[in-house]
């Protein structure tokens, strides 16, 4: 298949709604509406800090309402805590070692560098769906061929908000009366460029899509609509009224703001993506370990909460539209974060690590007629099963009654459709069935000590890979030598180990002599990898 770069990914962004309706009618080919629609929502840098996940401070009424009629997973892990690798992983159903993408910096397009893998939206498109994307779904740029993988994955070119151009612009008002490039950035929307914000624009595009789909009487084609929200990714830019919901005197710093006990330096991420911002630079913090002062830590946490509530309000508009247009009863709704984000835990303020605060995400799925018709005390279906974002591809395929990708063999570079995840659709009907014994994440490093390029090393700079595994009781990581040319790790050359038994990853006990047998057992399990962690009836022969 010839691979080309398309430079008109936002060509239709400003087109009137009637043209989108016309395109949807002309491409429908008379598909019968006997398939479930899919609304696939992704929030950027969203940790499981939601009311439905037990947080009593953050106000997320719309997502909490969605959770009440969904299955919600308490332990869901991204495969790498950075945008492009995580998104390419769950959108292709392959893990970072297979997609060969480990960073946003000098990223590579998987179809060229790894294999011509079928993507999640492409699978729906090939199955007769009208597929559309609004906002940040694929990571933009080289990782998705500068087109968000259009035309393979999408029926029409993906929509990107015009105001995303100002992501890192000096638009944040400050006490000195000037505009800055700050992390903390509550704004008067009317005074922003174009009098709007990217996530507001993406929501309006999605609302128009849903309305046009409903109004197109001749269009019986099911849709797969992906909506990617930029918030609460930094800068924490949001309508300032959301800040009023979080009085600063009610904000508290992280319960574990210090470095974990016996933390190996290779595990630490020095949040370099924050340090260049005007408000953080003004604090004159020494690199890499000086703590964020409490007064500003509270401001960042306050703004992260406000940005989360802002995102929640926009999700609410989408859910209301499904109701208004009569789509709720035949639309699967999937909501995830692409990875987590640290708010001062372990002295960290970003992602770029294997800590659970960085890898673990909210994951909930509403399946009409399945998750909303069961009595669970009004809290929805809650599952403690260990799941991963790489499981989403086969899960949504099964729920939509499409072909479920087979589990990939060891070498799947020439196989277009397979998955390194496992459909968790059976859990929607039987929460007690045996499931995965472990879930896996990884992160690359250029060195054992924190450097300026620690968070996002270029492919040629990676010399160490941290492979991490969560079980129901333990969190275990090994940092091993990595050859960027062969893209292979050397398990016999271990730079560091981490073992956390406490749920906050505060005490690394890997070096305690009394736990040596446990460490060896977990090391063996980690090296055997994800296949060995599958339920017995889902094992694949290597």
Protein backbone atom coordinates (compact mmCIF):
# COMPACT_ATOMS: atom_id res chain seq x y z
CA UNK A 1 0.00 0.00 0.00
CA UNK A 2 1.39 3.37 -1.00
CA UNK A 3 1.89 5.70 1.94
CA UNK A 4 1.45 9.40 1.28
CA UNK A 5 1.35 12.54 3.36
CA UNK A 6 -1.86 14.52 3.15
CA UNK A 7 -1.53 18.19 4.02
CA UNK A 8 -5.23 19.08 4.25
CA UNK A 9 -6.19 17.47 7.55
CA UNK A 10 -8.22 20.52 8.53
CA UNK A 11 -9.63 21.20 5.05
CA UNK A 12 -13.26 20.75 6.08
CA UNK A 13 -12.93 22.37 9.48
CA UNK A 14 -14.62 25.57 8.43
CA UNK A 15 -17.10 24.08 5.98
CA UNK A 16 -20.79 24.67 6.68
CA UNK A 17 -22.74 21.90 8.34
CA UNK A 18 -24.85 21.15 5.25
CA UNK A 19 -21.71 20.05 3.39
CA UNK A 20 -20.86 17.52 6.10
CA UNK A 21 -24.43 16.25 5.87
CA UNK A 22 -24.04 15.92 2.10
CA UNK A 23 -20.79 13.99 2.53
CA UNK A 24 -22.37 11.65 5.05
CA UNK A 25 -25.30 10.93 2.73
CA UNK A 26 -23.08 10.39 -0.31
CA UNK A 27 -20.77 7.98 1.47
CA UNK A 28 -23.38 5.98 3.32
CA UNK A 29 -23.95 3.44 0.50
CA UNK A 30 -27.22 2.54 2.17
CA UNK A 31 -25.72 0.78 5.18
CA UNK A 32 -28.52 -0.41 7.44
CA UNK A 33 -28.56 1.09 10.93
CA UNK A 34 -28.35 -2.28 12.69
CA UNK A 35 -24.99 -1.57 14.35
CA UNK A 36 -24.27 0.38 17.50
CA UNK A 37 -22.78 3.83 17.06
CA UNK A 38 -19.64 4.61 19.03
CA UNK A 39 -18.74 7.84 20.82
CA UNK A 40 -15.07 7.52 21.77
CA UNK A 41 -13.91 10.26 24.17
CA UNK A 42 -10.28 10.82 25.20
CA UNK A 43 -9.09 13.34 27.79
CA UNK A 44 -5.45 14.43 27.77
CA UNK A 45 -3.30 13.85 30.89
CA UNK A 46 -6.32 12.85 32.99
CA UNK A 47 -5.56 10.89 36.14
CA UNK A 48 -8.42 9.04 37.89
CA UNK A 49 -9.31 12.18 39.83
CA UNK A 50 -13.07 12.10 39.35
CA UNK A 51 -16.00 11.94 41.71
CA UNK A 52 -16.87 8.46 40.47
CA UNK A 53 -13.35 7.35 41.39
CA UNK A 54 -13.76 8.47 44.97
CA UNK A 55 -12.34 12.00 44.81
CA UNK A 56 -14.38 14.26 47.07
CA UNK A 57 -12.93 17.56 45.86
CA UNK A 58 -13.05 17.50 42.06
CA UNK A 59 -16.48 18.23 40.60
CA UNK A 60 -17.23 16.02 37.60
CA UNK A 61 -21.03 15.64 37.61
CA UNK A 62 -21.36 14.62 33.96
CA UNK A 63 -18.75 11.89 34.05
CA UNK A 64 -20.11 10.72 37.38
CA UNK A 65 -23.55 10.39 35.78
CA UNK A 66 -22.01 8.46 32.88
CA UNK A 67 -20.27 6.17 35.38
CA UNK A 68 -23.63 5.37 36.97
CA UNK A 69 -24.73 3.64 33.76
CA UNK A 70 -21.36 2.26 32.71
CA UNK A 71 -18.80 -0.28 33.70
CA UNK A 72 -15.96 1.54 35.45
CA UNK A 73 -12.55 -0.02 35.97
CA UNK A 74 -10.64 0.84 39.12
CA UNK A 75 -7.26 -0.28 37.73
CA UNK A 76 -6.65 0.57 34.09
CA UNK A 77 -3.14 1.24 32.80
CA UNK A 78 -1.82 3.06 29.77
CA UNK A 79 1.12 1.37 28.08
CA UNK A 80 3.34 4.45 28.28
CA UNK A 81 2.83 7.72 30.13
CA UNK A 82 3.30 10.13 27.25
CA UNK A 83 0.85 11.17 24.55
CA UNK A 84 2.01 9.82 21.18
CA UNK A 85 3.16 6.36 22.34
CA UNK A 86 0.04 5.84 24.46
CA UNK A 87 -2.39 6.92 21.76
CA UNK A 88 -0.73 4.98 18.96
CA UNK A 89 -0.74 1.96 21.27
CA UNK A 90 -4.44 1.94 22.10
CA UNK A 91 -5.46 3.08 18.63
CA UNK A 92 -3.58 0.18 16.99
CA UNK A 93 -4.00 -2.41 19.74
CA UNK A 94 -0.22 -2.89 19.87
CA UNK A 95 2.26 -2.15 22.63
CA UNK A 96 5.11 0.40 22.35
CA UNK A 97 7.73 -2.29 21.73
CA UNK A 98 5.70 -3.25 18.65
CA UNK A 99 4.79 0.23 17.39
CA UNK A 100 8.43 1.25 18.00
CA UNK A 101 7.27 4.61 19.29
CA UNK A 102 8.55 5.77 22.69
CA UNK A 103 8.44 9.57 22.58
CA UNK A 104 6.76 12.61 21.11
CA UNK A 105 10.22 13.85 20.12
CA UNK A 106 11.28 12.77 16.63
CA UNK A 107 8.32 10.40 16.56
CA UNK A 108 7.87 7.86 13.79
CA UNK A 109 4.78 6.84 11.83
CA UNK A 110 3.97 3.26 12.73
CA UNK A 111 2.84 2.29 9.22
CA UNK A 112 6.33 3.11 7.93
CA UNK A 113 8.54 2.17 10.87
CA UNK A 114 6.74 -0.80 12.44
CA UNK A 115 4.04 -2.28 10.21
CA UNK A 116 0.89 -1.39 8.32
CA UNK A 117 -1.30 -2.08 11.33
CA UNK A 118 -5.04 -1.52 11.13
CA UNK A 119 -6.19 1.15 13.56
CA UNK A 120 -9.28 1.08 15.76
CA UNK A 121 -11.23 3.68 13.72
CA UNK A 122 -9.98 2.09 10.48
CA UNK A 123 -11.46 -1.24 11.57
CA UNK A 124 -14.82 0.45 12.08
CA UNK A 125 -14.50 2.32 8.78
CA UNK A 126 -13.68 -0.93 6.95
CA UNK A 127 -16.77 -2.44 8.60
CA UNK A 128 -19.09 0.16 7.12
CA UNK A 129 -18.96 2.93 9.72
CA UNK A 130 -18.70 6.65 9.05
CA UNK A 131 -15.64 7.63 11.10
CA UNK A 132 -14.88 11.18 12.22
CA UNK A 133 -12.37 12.78 14.59
CA UNK A 134 -12.53 16.05 16.49
CA UNK A 135 -9.65 17.42 18.56
CA UNK A 136 -6.71 15.41 19.84
CA UNK A 137 -7.36 11.74 19.17
CA UNK A 138 -4.26 10.59 17.33
CA UNK A 139 -1.25 12.57 18.49
CA UNK A 140 -0.79 15.17 15.74
CA UNK A 141 2.41 15.42 13.73
CA UNK A 142 4.85 12.79 12.53
CA UNK A 143 3.44 10.07 14.80
CA UNK A 144 0.26 10.03 12.70
CA UNK A 145 1.83 11.10 9.38
CA UNK A 146 0.78 14.75 9.84
CA UNK A 147 -2.78 13.70 8.89
CA UNK A 148 -4.11 11.94 12.00
CA UNK A 149 -3.86 8.81 9.84
CA UNK A 150 -6.32 10.09 7.25
CA UNK A 151 -7.59 8.61 4.96
CA UNK A 152 -6.92 5.19 6.47
CA UNK A 153 -8.74 5.80 9.75
CA UNK A 154 -11.25 8.51 8.92
CA UNK A 155 -14.00 9.01 6.37
CA UNK A 156 -13.41 12.77 6.31
CA UNK A 157 -10.31 14.74 7.33
CA UNK A 158 -10.01 15.12 11.12
CA UNK A 159 -11.02 18.40 12.69
CA UNK A 160 -8.54 20.46 14.68
CA UNK A 161 -9.60 23.66 16.37
CA UNK A 162 -8.14 26.81 14.84
CA UNK A 163 -7.32 28.19 18.30
CA UNK A 164 -5.00 25.28 19.10
CA UNK A 165 -2.42 27.40 17.27
CA UNK A 166 -2.22 29.47 20.46
CA UNK A 167 -1.49 26.52 22.76
CA UNK A 168 1.86 27.92 23.89
CA UNK A 169 1.20 31.57 23.12
CA UNK A 170 1.49 34.32 25.71
CA UNK A 171 -2.23 34.58 26.47
CA UNK A 172 -2.27 34.06 30.25
CA UNK A 173 -3.05 37.22 32.28
CA UNK A 174 -0.80 37.81 35.29
CA UNK A 175 -0.58 40.14 38.26
CA UNK A 176 1.91 42.37 36.42
CA UNK A 177 -0.78 43.23 33.85
CA UNK A 178 1.03 41.45 31.04
CA UNK A 179 0.30 38.22 29.16
CA UNK A 180 2.56 35.26 29.81
CA UNK A 181 3.11 31.60 28.90
CA UNK A 182 2.10 30.18 32.26
CA UNK A 183 1.04 26.78 33.55
CA UNK A 184 -1.72 28.39 35.62
CA UNK A 185 -3.90 30.11 33.04
CA UNK A 186 -7.55 30.88 33.87
CA UNK A 187 -8.83 33.18 31.13
CA UNK A 188 -11.71 35.36 30.04
CA UNK A 189 -12.76 33.46 26.92
CA UNK A 190 -14.07 36.62 25.27
CA UNK A 191 -10.55 38.07 25.43
CA UNK A 192 -8.87 35.02 23.94
CA UNK A 193 -7.93 34.76 20.26
CA UNK A 194 -11.09 34.15 18.22
CA UNK A 195 -13.08 34.45 21.50
CA UNK A 196 -13.05 30.73 22.10
CA UNK A 197 -10.86 27.81 23.18
CA UNK A 198 -9.89 24.58 21.36
CA UNK A 199 -12.02 22.18 23.40
CA UNK A 200 -15.06 24.42 22.98
CA UNK A 201 -14.53 24.37 19.22
CA UNK A 202 -14.09 20.60 19.12
CA UNK A 203 -17.25 20.11 21.15
CA UNK A 204 -19.23 22.30 18.77
CA UNK A 205 -17.90 20.34 15.81
CA UNK A 206 -18.96 17.08 17.48
CA UNK A 207 -22.40 18.49 18.34
CA UNK A 208 -22.87 19.54 14.70
CA UNK A 209 -21.83 16.06 13.63
CA UNK A 210 -24.41 14.41 15.87
CA UNK A 211 -27.15 16.80 14.73
CA UNK A 212 -26.31 16.33 11.06
CA UNK A 213 -26.26 12.59 11.48
CA UNK A 214 -29.74 12.73 13.00
CA UNK A 215 -31.09 15.18 10.40
CA UNK A 216 -29.82 13.08 7.47
CA UNK A 217 -32.97 11.06 6.85
CA UNK A 218 -31.32 9.12 4.05
CA UNK A 219 -28.29 8.29 6.13
CA UNK A 220 -28.55 4.93 7.87
CA UNK A 221 -24.81 4.50 8.31
CA UNK A 222 -23.57 3.92 11.87
CA UNK A 223 -20.88 6.30 13.10
CA UNK A 224 -17.66 6.11 15.08
CA UNK A 225 -17.10 9.61 16.44
CA UNK A 226 -13.88 10.25 18.35
CA UNK A 227 -13.59 13.42 20.42
CA UNK A 228 -10.24 14.27 21.99
CA UNK A 229 -10.10 16.93 24.70
CA UNK A 230 -6.85 18.81 25.30
CA UNK A 231 -7.63 19.48 28.94
CA UNK A 232 -6.44 19.00 31.58
CA UNK A 233 -3.13 18.91 29.68
CA UNK A 234 -0.87 21.89 30.37
CA UNK A 235 -1.07 24.81 30.02
CA UNK A 236 -4.01 24.76 32.41
CA UNK A 237 -5.99 27.21 30.29
CA UNK A 238 -9.74 27.24 30.94
CA UNK A 239 -12.62 29.69 31.45
CA UNK A 240 -11.86 31.50 34.68
CA UNK A 241 -15.28 30.86 36.24
CA UNK A 242 -14.26 27.25 36.85
CA UNK A 243 -11.53 28.45 39.21
CA UNK A 244 -14.20 29.94 41.49
CA UNK A 245 -15.41 26.40 42.21
CA UNK A 246 -12.15 25.62 44.02
CA UNK A 247 -11.27 28.12 46.77
CA UNK A 248 -7.51 28.00 47.29
CA UNK A 249 -7.92 27.57 51.06
CA UNK A 250 -9.61 24.22 50.36
CA UNK A 251 -6.75 22.93 48.19
CA UNK A 252 -4.14 20.67 49.78
CA UNK A 253 -0.75 19.56 48.50
CA UNK A 254 -0.12 15.89 47.72
CA UNK A 255 -0.10 13.55 50.69
CA UNK A 256 3.27 12.17 49.54
CA UNK A 257 5.25 15.16 48.21
CA UNK A 258 8.71 13.68 48.89
CA UNK A 259 10.84 11.33 46.84
CA UNK A 260 9.98 7.68 47.53
CA UNK A 261 12.18 5.74 49.88
CA UNK A 262 15.19 4.26 48.04
CA UNK A 263 14.08 5.66 44.68
CA UNK A 264 16.63 4.93 41.93
CA UNK A 265 17.43 8.19 40.09
CA UNK A 266 16.56 6.61 36.72
CA UNK A 267 12.93 6.37 37.84
CA UNK A 268 12.54 10.10 38.50
CA UNK A 269 11.12 12.49 35.91
CA UNK A 270 12.21 16.13 36.45
CA UNK A 271 9.13 17.69 34.72
CA UNK A 272 11.14 19.63 32.15
CA UNK A 273 7.97 20.39 30.21
CA UNK A 274 6.93 22.76 33.02
CA UNK A 275 10.19 24.48 33.81
CA UNK A 276 10.34 26.78 30.79
CA UNK A 277 6.91 28.30 31.47
CA UNK A 278 7.03 31.88 32.74
CA UNK A 279 5.37 31.26 36.10
CA UNK A 280 7.49 28.19 36.90
CA UNK A 281 10.72 29.77 35.66
CA UNK A 282 10.08 32.71 38.00
CA UNK A 283 10.31 30.34 40.97
CA UNK A 284 14.03 29.69 40.20
CA UNK A 285 13.87 26.04 41.23
CA UNK A 286 17.12 24.13 41.01
CA UNK A 287 17.25 21.15 38.65
CA UNK A 288 16.29 18.37 39.13
CA UNK A 289 15.11 17.79 42.71
CA UNK A 290 14.04 21.07 44.32
CA UNK A 291 10.44 20.85 45.49
CA UNK A 292 7.68 23.04 44.15
CA UNK A 293 6.83 25.52 46.94
CA UNK A 294 3.52 24.72 48.58
CA UNK A 295 1.87 28.02 47.68
CA UNK A 296 2.37 27.38 43.97
CA UNK A 297 1.73 23.65 44.23
CA UNK A 298 -1.75 24.57 45.47
CA UNK A 299 -2.27 26.93 42.53
CA UNK A 300 -1.36 24.19 40.03
CA UNK A 301 -3.59 21.64 41.74
CA UNK A 302 -6.44 24.16 41.89
CA UNK A 303 -6.11 24.84 38.16
CA UNK A 304 -5.85 21.15 37.27
CA UNK A 305 -9.10 20.53 39.11
CA UNK A 306 -10.73 23.50 37.38
CA UNK A 307 -9.52 22.33 33.97
CA UNK A 308 -10.93 18.87 34.72
CA UNK A 309 -14.34 20.33 35.59
CA UNK A 310 -14.22 22.45 32.42
CA UNK A 311 -13.58 19.29 30.36
CA UNK A 312 -16.38 17.50 32.22
CA UNK A 313 -18.82 20.28 31.31
CA UNK A 314 -18.06 19.78 27.62
CA UNK A 315 -18.47 16.02 27.87
CA UNK A 316 -21.84 16.78 29.42
CA UNK A 317 -22.87 18.64 26.28
CA UNK A 318 -22.11 15.56 24.18
CA UNK A 319 -24.10 13.28 26.47
CA UNK A 320 -27.07 15.66 26.46
CA UNK A 321 -26.93 15.75 22.65
CA UNK A 322 -27.10 11.95 22.51
CA UNK A 323 -30.29 12.14 24.55
CA UNK A 324 -31.79 15.00 22.54
CA UNK A 325 -31.15 13.30 19.20
CA UNK A 326 -32.40 9.91 20.33
CA UNK A 327 -28.96 8.31 20.05
CA UNK A 328 -28.37 7.19 23.64
CA UNK A 329 -30.09 3.84 23.18
CA UNK A 330 -27.87 2.77 20.27
CA UNK A 331 -24.54 4.45 21.03
CA UNK A 332 -21.65 2.90 22.93
CA UNK A 333 -19.86 5.58 24.93
CA UNK A 334 -16.22 5.01 25.85
CA UNK A 335 -14.33 7.46 28.06
CA UNK A 336 -10.63 7.28 28.93
CA UNK A 337 -7.60 9.36 29.81
CA UNK A 338 -4.56 8.71 27.63
CA UNK A 339 -2.36 8.49 30.78
CA UNK A 340 -2.18 10.06 34.22
CA UNK A 341 -0.39 13.09 35.62
CA UNK A 342 1.41 13.80 38.88
CA UNK A 343 0.30 16.70 41.06
CA UNK A 344 3.31 16.84 43.36
CA UNK A 345 3.37 13.17 44.29
CA UNK A 346 6.98 11.97 44.56
CA UNK A 347 8.12 15.56 43.89
CA UNK A 348 6.90 15.22 40.32
CA UNK A 349 4.61 17.42 38.23
CA UNK A 350 3.98 15.66 34.96
CA UNK A 351 3.88 12.14 33.51
CA UNK A 352 7.00 10.57 31.89
CA UNK A 353 7.39 7.80 34.47
CA UNK A 354 6.22 4.34 35.49
CA UNK A 355 4.59 5.46 38.75
CA UNK A 356 0.96 4.44 38.93
CA UNK A 357 -0.05 8.09 39.25
CA UNK A 358 1.39 8.54 35.73
CA UNK A 359 0.25 5.33 34.04
CA UNK A 360 -3.20 4.68 35.51
CA UNK A 361 -6.28 6.27 34.00
CA UNK A 362 -10.06 6.43 34.28
CA UNK A 363 -11.79 3.99 31.94
CA UNK A 364 -15.54 3.61 31.66
CA UNK A 365 -17.80 2.22 28.95
CA UNK A 366 -21.55 2.58 28.61
CA UNK A 367 -23.11 -0.27 26.63
CA UNK A 368 -26.83 0.37 26.09
CA UNK A 369 -29.01 -2.40 27.44
CA UNK A 370 -26.12 -4.00 29.30
CA UNK A 371 -24.50 -1.59 31.72
CA UNK A 372 -27.54 0.58 32.40
CA UNK A 373 -30.03 -2.12 33.29
CA UNK A 374 -28.40 -3.58 36.38
CA UNK A 375 -28.93 -2.66 39.99
CA UNK A 376 -25.67 -1.61 41.57
CA UNK A 377 -26.96 0.91 44.05
CA UNK A 378 -26.83 3.73 41.53
CA UNK A 379 -23.03 3.61 41.24
CA UNK A 380 -22.84 1.67 37.99
CA UNK A 381 -20.84 -1.49 37.50
CA UNK A 382 -17.45 -1.34 39.19
CA UNK A 383 -14.75 -3.82 38.23
CA UNK A 384 -11.44 -4.36 39.98
CA UNK A 385 -10.17 -6.48 37.08
CA UNK A 386 -6.77 -5.47 35.74
CA UNK A 387 -7.23 -3.92 32.30
CA UNK A 388 -5.10 -1.90 29.88
CA UNK A 389 -5.78 0.71 27.23
CA UNK A 390 -4.44 -1.72 24.64
CA UNK A 391 -7.57 -3.78 25.42
CA UNK A 392 -9.89 -1.10 24.02
CA UNK A 393 -9.57 -2.07 20.34
CA UNK A 394 -10.78 -5.67 20.71
CA UNK A 395 -13.33 -4.67 23.35
CA UNK A 396 -15.10 -2.07 21.23
CA UNK A 397 -14.99 -4.37 18.23
CA UNK A 398 -16.71 -7.11 20.24
CA UNK A 399 -19.31 -4.78 21.74
CA UNK A 400 -20.15 -3.48 18.26
CA UNK A 401 -20.34 -7.04 16.93
CA UNK A 402 -17.48 -6.53 14.49
CA UNK A 403 -14.68 -8.99 13.89
CA UNK A 404 -12.60 -9.19 17.05
CA UNK A 405 -8.87 -9.08 16.22
CA UNK A 406 -7.00 -12.25 17.09
CA UNK A 407 -4.21 -12.04 19.63
CA UNK A 408 -0.97 -11.19 17.85
CA UNK A 409 1.85 -13.74 17.60
CA UNK A 410 5.35 -12.79 18.74
CA UNK A 411 6.20 -11.29 15.35
CA UNK A 412 3.17 -9.46 14.02
CA UNK A 413 4.97 -6.92 11.80
CA UNK A 414 3.32 -8.38 8.68
CA UNK A 415 -0.13 -8.85 10.22
CA UNK A 416 -2.44 -5.93 9.62
CA UNK A 417 -5.24 -6.91 12.00
CA UNK A 418 -4.43 -8.42 15.39
CA UNK A 419 -4.21 -7.15 18.94
CA UNK A 420 -1.84 -7.34 21.88
CA UNK A 421 -4.75 -6.54 24.14
CA UNK A 422 -7.70 -8.66 25.23
CA UNK A 423 -11.37 -7.78 24.92
CA UNK A 424 -12.83 -7.26 28.37
CA UNK A 425 -16.38 -7.36 26.99
CA UNK A 426 -17.07 -10.63 28.90
CA UNK A 427 -16.59 -8.71 32.16
CA UNK A 428 -19.67 -6.63 31.41
CA UNK A 429 -21.77 -9.74 32.05
CA UNK A 430 -19.62 -11.62 34.55
CA UNK A 431 -17.53 -9.53 36.92
CA UNK A 432 -16.28 -12.56 38.83
CA UNK A 433 -14.65 -14.41 35.95
CA UNK A 434 -10.83 -14.86 36.16
CA UNK A 435 -8.97 -12.11 34.36
CA UNK A 436 -5.44 -10.86 33.76
CA UNK A 437 -2.84 -11.57 36.40
CA UNK A 438 -0.90 -8.39 35.57
CA UNK A 439 -0.86 -5.28 33.39
CA UNK A 440 2.18 -3.63 31.82
CA UNK A 441 3.69 -0.22 31.07
CA UNK A 442 7.14 1.00 30.07
CA UNK A 443 9.24 4.14 29.85
CA UNK A 444 12.59 4.94 28.15
CA UNK A 445 15.50 6.85 29.63
CA UNK A 446 18.69 8.32 28.14
CA UNK A 447 20.73 7.90 31.36
CA UNK A 448 20.69 6.73 34.96
CA UNK A 449 20.64 10.29 36.32
CA UNK A 450 18.02 12.94 35.48
CA UNK A 451 18.96 15.18 32.55
CA UNK A 452 17.24 17.79 30.45
CA UNK A 453 16.22 15.07 27.96
CA UNK A 454 15.12 12.53 30.60
CA UNK A 455 11.41 13.02 30.05
CA UNK A 456 11.35 12.70 26.28
CA UNK A 457 14.56 11.26 24.87
CA UNK A 458 14.88 11.01 21.12
CA UNK A 459 15.03 7.45 19.76
CA UNK A 460 18.81 7.64 19.29
CA UNK A 461 19.25 8.76 22.92
CA UNK A 462 17.47 5.83 24.59
CA UNK A 463 19.91 3.60 26.51
CA UNK A 464 17.63 2.27 29.28
CA UNK A 465 14.07 0.94 29.24
CA UNK A 466 11.95 0.65 32.35
CA UNK A 467 9.50 -2.25 32.13
CA UNK A 468 6.76 -2.06 34.75
CA UNK A 469 4.10 -4.52 35.92
CA UNK A 470 1.09 -4.13 38.19
CA UNK A 471 -0.55 -7.11 39.85
CA UNK A 472 -3.42 -7.10 42.32
CA UNK A 473 -0.88 -6.71 45.15
CA UNK A 474 2.41 -5.40 43.78
CA UNK A 475 3.97 -2.86 41.46
CA UNK A 476 7.32 -4.04 40.11
CA UNK A 477 9.71 -2.34 37.65
CA UNK A 478 13.07 -3.21 36.15
CA UNK A 479 15.25 -0.67 34.36
CA UNK A 480 17.38 -2.59 31.86
CA UNK A 481 19.99 -1.75 29.24
CA UNK A 482 18.42 -0.89 25.88
CA UNK A 483 19.96 -0.82 22.40
CA UNK A 484 18.20 1.82 20.33
CA UNK A 485 19.60 0.43 17.08
CA UNK A 486 18.24 -3.09 17.53
CA UNK A 487 15.35 -1.79 19.65
CA UNK A 488 15.90 -4.61 22.12
CA UNK A 489 16.43 -4.69 25.86
CA UNK A 490 19.10 -6.70 27.65
CA UNK A 491 17.44 -8.32 30.66
CA UNK A 492 20.79 -9.51 32.01
CA UNK A 493 21.96 -5.89 32.44
CA UNK A 494 19.70 -4.38 35.09
CA UNK A 495 20.29 -0.77 36.10
CA UNK A 496 17.70 -0.64 38.89
CA UNK A 497 14.66 -2.34 40.39
CA UNK A 498 11.56 -1.02 42.11
CA UNK A 499 9.04 -2.91 44.17
CA UNK A 500 6.09 -1.12 45.75
CA UNK A 501 3.67 -2.86 48.05
CA UNK A 502 2.07 0.35 49.29
CA UNK A 503 -0.65 1.72 46.94
CA UNK A 504 0.98 5.15 46.50
CA UNK A 505 4.40 3.84 45.39
CA UNK A 506 6.11 5.60 48.29
CA UNK A 507 8.39 2.82 49.58
CA UNK A 508 10.71 1.02 47.18
CA UNK A 509 11.43 -2.25 49.00
CA UNK A 510 13.15 -4.07 46.14
CA UNK A 511 16.51 -4.12 47.95
CA UNK A 512 15.25 -5.53 51.24
CA UNK A 513 16.92 -8.94 51.82
CA UNK A 514 13.76 -10.46 53.27
CA UNK A 515 11.95 -9.83 49.98
CA UNK A 516 14.58 -11.27 47.64
CA UNK A 517 12.49 -14.34 46.79
CA UNK A 518 9.46 -12.20 45.99
CA UNK A 519 11.59 -9.88 43.83
CA UNK A 520 12.92 -12.86 41.87
CA UNK A 521 9.41 -14.23 41.39
CA UNK A 522 8.14 -10.87 40.13
CA UNK A 523 11.22 -10.46 37.92
CA UNK A 524 10.49 -13.78 36.24
CA UNK A 525 6.84 -12.83 35.78
CA UNK A 526 7.74 -9.42 34.32
CA UNK A 527 10.14 -10.93 31.82
CA UNK A 528 7.55 -13.47 30.64
CA UNK A 529 5.39 -10.49 29.73
CA UNK A 530 1.78 -9.84 28.88
CA UNK A 531 1.06 -13.20 27.26
CA UNK A 532 1.83 -15.03 30.47
CA UNK A 533 -0.59 -12.74 32.34
CA UNK A 534 -3.64 -13.60 30.24
CA UNK A 535 -6.48 -15.73 31.62
CA UNK A 536 -5.75 -19.41 31.04
CA UNK A 537 -8.24 -19.83 28.21
CA UNK A 538 -6.76 -16.88 26.30
CA UNK A 539 -3.07 -17.86 26.21
CA UNK A 540 -1.31 -17.65 22.86
CA UNK A 541 1.54 -19.98 22.05
CA UNK A 542 4.72 -17.99 21.56
